[in-house]
Amino acid sequence: MKEPFIAKLHCLFIDIETLLAFLLKGIVLLNMPC
């Protein structure tokens, strides 16, 4: 029972990490003077 839950949690964390990295990149690009 534990394994699938941990796997799902891991996938969720990867998704959050990817989303955060994407948002951070967007913020950096927006703050860069063009």
Protein backbone atom coordinates (compact mmCIF):
# COMPACT_ATOMS: atom_id res chain seq x y z
CA MET A 1 0.00 0.00 0.00
CA LYS A 2 2.83 2.39 0.83
CA GLU A 3 4.81 2.08 -2.41
CA PRO A 4 2.27 3.55 -4.89
CA PHE A 5 1.54 6.44 -2.52
CA ILE A 6 5.23 7.31 -2.22
CA ALA A 7 5.60 7.01 -6.00
CA LYS A 8 2.64 9.37 -6.49
CA LEU A 9 4.06 11.77 -3.92
CA HIS A 10 7.43 11.66 -5.70
CA CYS A 11 5.78 12.44 -9.04
CA LEU A 12 3.85 15.28 -7.40
CA PHE A 13 7.05 16.74 -5.96
CA ILE A 14 8.72 16.52 -9.39
CA ASP A 15 5.73 18.35 -10.90
CA ILE A 16 5.92 21.07 -8.23
CA GLU A 17 9.68 21.39 -8.69
CA THR A 18 9.27 21.72 -12.47
CA LEU A 19 6.49 24.27 -12.02
CA LEU A 20 8.57 26.29 -9.54
CA ALA A 21 11.59 26.23 -11.85
CA PHE A 22 9.38 27.39 -14.74
CA LEU A 23 7.88 30.21 -12.65
CA LEU A 24 11.32 31.25 -11.41
CA LYS A 25 12.62 31.34 -14.98
CA GLY A 26 9.62 33.42 -16.02
CA ILE A 27 10.17 35.90 -13.17
CA VAL A 28 13.87 36.21 -14.01
CA LEU A 29 13.07 36.78 -17.69
CA LEU A 30 10.41 39.37 -16.81
CA ASN A 31 12.78 41.23 -14.48
CA MET A 32 15.60 41.30 -17.04
CA PRO A 33 15.86 44.70 -18.74
CA CYS A 34 15.40 44.13 -22.46
